[in-house]
Amino acid sequence: MNEDLKKRLQEVKDWLQKEFSGIRTGQANPGLLDSVKVESYGTFVTLQQVGSISIEDARTLRISVWDNSQIKSVEKSLQDADLGVSVVADSSGLRVVFPELTSERRLQLQKLAKNKLEEARVSVKAVRDEEMKSLDKQYKEDAISEDERFAAKEKVQKSIEDTNSALEVLYLQKEKELKF
């Protein structure tokens, strides 16, 4: 099996893990703010590029903005990100407070996790389709024999099934995490 296929399937798994890390479970985690983009001097940059993020307590993150003129922009970006957190500006930066998860919010997060799993599955299917088309093209161009094409397709299918199983395991772990 070619390395490109392995790499692309690994990227899908890594993407899903990153997405799942952004679905919070009641604990304050700086990784939850990775997707927040802040307008800084006319361009959008990540939060880590305008300040430092630290954990203040179990449900609070502290954002120390390096340029105090950026506090309003960071605050607006956090509110626009719709993370279900409250943002409080004070003299030394911003505090991001994560509320306790309600059962309704847990259900929303489980639904979100399920949607992310489906997005990952669609990506895997696209990778599979591309790989199968490539094998068919190679066969038509007499670059590989019918037996080689058949064997390669079986390998690709096995990789796809293994990846889908791994994605399902990631989802089940996240679902279990959200139930507590």
Protein backbone atom coordinates (compact mmCIF):
# COMPACT_ATOMS: atom_id res chain seq x y z
CA MET A 1 0.00 0.00 0.00
CA ASN A 2 1.36 3.38 -0.87
CA GLU A 3 2.56 5.86 1.72
CA ASP A 4 0.37 8.66 0.37
CA LEU A 5 -2.78 6.70 1.27
CA LYS A 6 -1.48 6.00 4.80
CA LYS A 7 -0.58 9.66 5.25
CA ARG A 8 -3.97 10.90 4.03
CA LEU A 9 -5.88 8.47 6.27
CA GLN A 10 -3.70 9.48 9.23
CA GLU A 11 -4.49 13.14 8.50
CA VAL A 12 -8.21 12.37 8.73
CA LYS A 13 -7.68 10.63 12.11
CA ASP A 14 -5.55 13.52 13.36
CA TRP A 15 -8.18 16.03 12.22
CA LEU A 16 -10.92 14.15 14.09
CA GLN A 17 -8.82 13.97 17.26
CA LYS A 18 -8.20 17.72 17.06
CA GLU A 19 -11.90 18.39 16.51
CA PHE A 20 -12.81 16.17 19.45
CA SER A 21 -10.27 17.93 21.67
CA GLY A 22 -12.19 21.13 20.92
CA ILE A 23 -15.42 19.65 22.25
CA ARG A 24 -15.18 20.51 25.90
CA THR A 25 -16.22 18.25 28.70
CA GLY A 26 -16.50 20.69 31.58
CA GLN A 27 -12.78 21.09 32.15
CA ALA A 28 -10.93 24.22 31.03
CA ASN A 29 -8.43 23.24 28.35
CA PRO A 30 -6.37 25.74 26.31
CA GLY A 31 -6.79 23.46 23.27
CA LEU A 32 -10.45 24.44 23.19
CA LEU A 33 -9.44 27.90 21.99
CA ASP A 34 -7.21 26.68 19.12
CA SER A 35 -9.88 27.39 16.51
CA VAL A 36 -10.50 30.99 17.63
CA LYS A 37 -9.22 33.58 15.15
CA VAL A 38 -8.58 37.17 16.24
CA GLU A 39 -8.42 40.20 13.98
CA SER A 40 -5.03 41.73 14.62
CA TYR A 41 -3.88 44.74 12.60
CA GLY A 42 -6.11 43.85 9.66
CA THR A 43 -5.42 40.10 9.45
CA PHE A 44 -6.86 37.11 11.25
CA VAL A 45 -4.44 35.20 13.45
CA THR A 46 -4.76 32.47 16.09
CA LEU A 47 -5.28 33.43 19.70
CA GLN A 48 -1.81 32.11 20.57
CA GLN A 49 -0.30 34.76 18.28
CA VAL A 50 -1.73 37.68 20.27
CA GLY A 51 -1.33 36.41 23.81
CA SER A 52 -0.65 33.52 26.15
CA ILE A 53 -3.28 31.14 27.50
CA SER A 54 -2.98 29.54 30.91
CA ILE A 55 -5.25 27.52 33.19
CA GLU A 56 -6.42 29.52 36.19
CA ASP A 57 -8.55 26.78 37.75
CA ALA A 58 -10.59 23.74 36.65
CA ARG A 59 -13.14 25.85 34.78
CA THR A 60 -11.26 29.07 34.00
CA LEU A 61 -8.63 30.01 31.45
CA ARG A 62 -6.60 33.22 31.66
CA ILE A 63 -5.62 34.97 28.43
CA SER A 64 -2.82 37.51 28.79
CA VAL A 65 -2.87 39.67 25.67
CA TRP A 66 0.51 41.11 24.77
CA ASP A 67 -0.89 44.33 23.33
CA ASN A 68 -3.66 45.75 25.55
CA SER A 69 -5.22 47.52 22.56
CA GLN A 70 -6.16 44.03 21.31
CA ILE A 71 -8.26 43.02 24.34
CA LYS A 72 -11.56 44.16 22.77
CA SER A 73 -10.77 42.28 19.54
CA VAL A 74 -9.93 39.09 21.46
CA GLU A 75 -13.07 39.42 23.57
CA LYS A 76 -15.22 39.84 20.44
CA SER A 77 -13.58 36.84 18.76
CA LEU A 78 -14.24 34.64 21.79
CA GLN A 79 -17.89 35.68 21.88
CA ASP A 80 -18.28 35.18 18.11
CA ALA A 81 -16.74 31.69 18.37
CA ASP A 82 -19.88 30.60 20.28
CA LEU A 83 -18.04 28.21 22.60
CA GLY A 84 -20.67 28.48 25.32
CA VAL A 85 -18.26 30.27 27.65
CA SER A 86 -18.42 33.60 29.42
CA VAL A 87 -15.63 36.11 28.83
CA VAL A 88 -14.63 38.70 31.42
CA ALA A 89 -12.07 41.43 30.73
CA ASP A 90 -10.00 42.71 33.63
CA SER A 91 -6.82 44.72 34.14
CA SER A 92 -4.47 41.84 33.30
CA GLY A 93 -6.28 40.38 30.29
CA LEU A 94 -9.28 38.11 29.89
CA ARG A 95 -10.79 35.29 31.87
CA VAL A 96 -12.72 32.60 29.99
CA VAL A 97 -15.11 30.80 32.33
CA PHE A 98 -16.56 27.43 31.35
CA PRO A 99 -19.97 26.74 32.89
CA GLU A 100 -20.96 23.35 34.28
CA LEU A 101 -22.32 21.14 31.53
CA THR A 102 -26.09 20.69 31.60
CA SER A 103 -27.64 17.49 30.30
CA GLU A 104 -29.01 19.49 27.35
CA ARG A 105 -25.54 20.83 26.54
CA ARG A 106 -24.08 17.31 26.81
CA LEU A 107 -26.60 16.12 24.21
CA GLN A 108 -25.65 19.03 21.92
CA LEU A 109 -21.98 18.13 22.29
CA GLN A 110 -22.68 14.46 21.57
CA LYS A 111 -24.54 15.48 18.43
CA LEU A 112 -21.62 17.71 17.43
CA ALA A 113 -19.18 14.83 18.00
CA LYS A 114 -21.36 12.56 15.84
CA ASN A 115 -21.36 15.19 13.06
CA LYS A 116 -17.57 15.45 13.21
CA LEU A 117 -17.35 11.66 12.94
CA GLU A 118 -19.54 11.77 9.84
CA GLU A 119 -17.35 14.49 8.30
CA ALA A 120 -14.30 12.31 8.90
CA ARG A 121 -16.05 9.30 7.33
CA VAL A 122 -16.91 11.37 4.25
CA SER A 123 -13.25 12.38 3.97
CA VAL A 124 -12.16 8.73 4.24
CA LYS A 125 -14.67 7.76 1.54
CA ALA A 126 -13.28 10.49 -0.74
CA VAL A 127 -9.74 9.18 -0.20
CA ARG A 128 -10.96 5.65 -0.99
CA ASP A 129 -12.72 6.77 -4.17
CA GLU A 130 -9.63 8.63 -5.40
CA GLU A 131 -7.43 5.62 -4.70
CA MET A 132 -9.79 3.22 -6.49
CA LYS A 133 -10.00 5.53 -9.54
CA SER A 134 -6.22 5.73 -9.61
CA LEU A 135 -5.93 1.93 -9.59
CA ASP A 136 -8.51 1.64 -12.39
CA LYS A 137 -6.62 4.24 -14.42
CA GLN A 138 -3.32 2.40 -13.92
CA TYR A 139 -4.99 -0.83 -15.05
CA LYS A 140 -6.44 0.82 -18.19
CA GLU A 141 -3.00 2.21 -19.03
CA ASP A 142 -1.53 -1.31 -18.63
CA ALA A 143 0.68 -0.08 -15.78
CA ILE A 144 -0.63 -2.89 -13.54
CA SER A 145 -2.22 -6.26 -14.21
CA GLU A 146 -5.78 -7.17 -13.25
CA ASP A 147 -4.48 -9.33 -10.39
CA GLU A 148 -2.34 -6.46 -9.09
CA ARG A 149 -5.32 -4.09 -9.31
CA PHE A 150 -7.52 -6.56 -7.43
CA ALA A 151 -4.90 -7.12 -4.71
CA ALA A 152 -4.27 -3.36 -4.38
CA LYS A 153 -8.01 -2.65 -4.11
CA GLU A 154 -8.29 -5.22 -1.32
CA LYS A 155 -5.40 -3.55 0.54
CA VAL A 156 -7.01 -0.13 0.12
CA GLN A 157 -10.36 -1.45 1.36
CA LYS A 158 -8.67 -3.02 4.41
CA SER A 159 -6.97 0.30 5.20
CA ILE A 160 -10.28 2.14 4.86
CA GLU A 161 -12.02 -0.32 7.18
CA ASP A 162 -9.20 -0.05 9.74
CA THR A 163 -9.37 3.74 9.61
CA ASN A 164 -13.16 3.77 10.00
CA SER A 165 -12.81 1.46 13.02
CA ALA A 166 -10.22 3.80 14.55
CA LEU A 167 -12.53 6.78 13.96
CA GLU A 168 -15.38 4.92 15.65
CA VAL A 169 -13.16 4.19 18.66
CA LEU A 170 -12.29 7.91 18.93
CA TYR A 171 -15.99 8.77 18.81
CA LEU A 172 -16.92 6.20 21.47
CA GLN A 173 -14.19 7.57 23.76
CA LYS A 174 -15.50 11.11 23.33
CA GLU A 175 -19.09 9.98 23.86
CA LYS A 176 -18.09 8.23 27.10
CA GLU A 177 -16.23 11.37 28.22
CA LEU A 178 -19.33 13.51 27.59
CA LYS A 179 -21.62 11.29 29.67
CA PHE A 180 -19.84 12.05 32.94
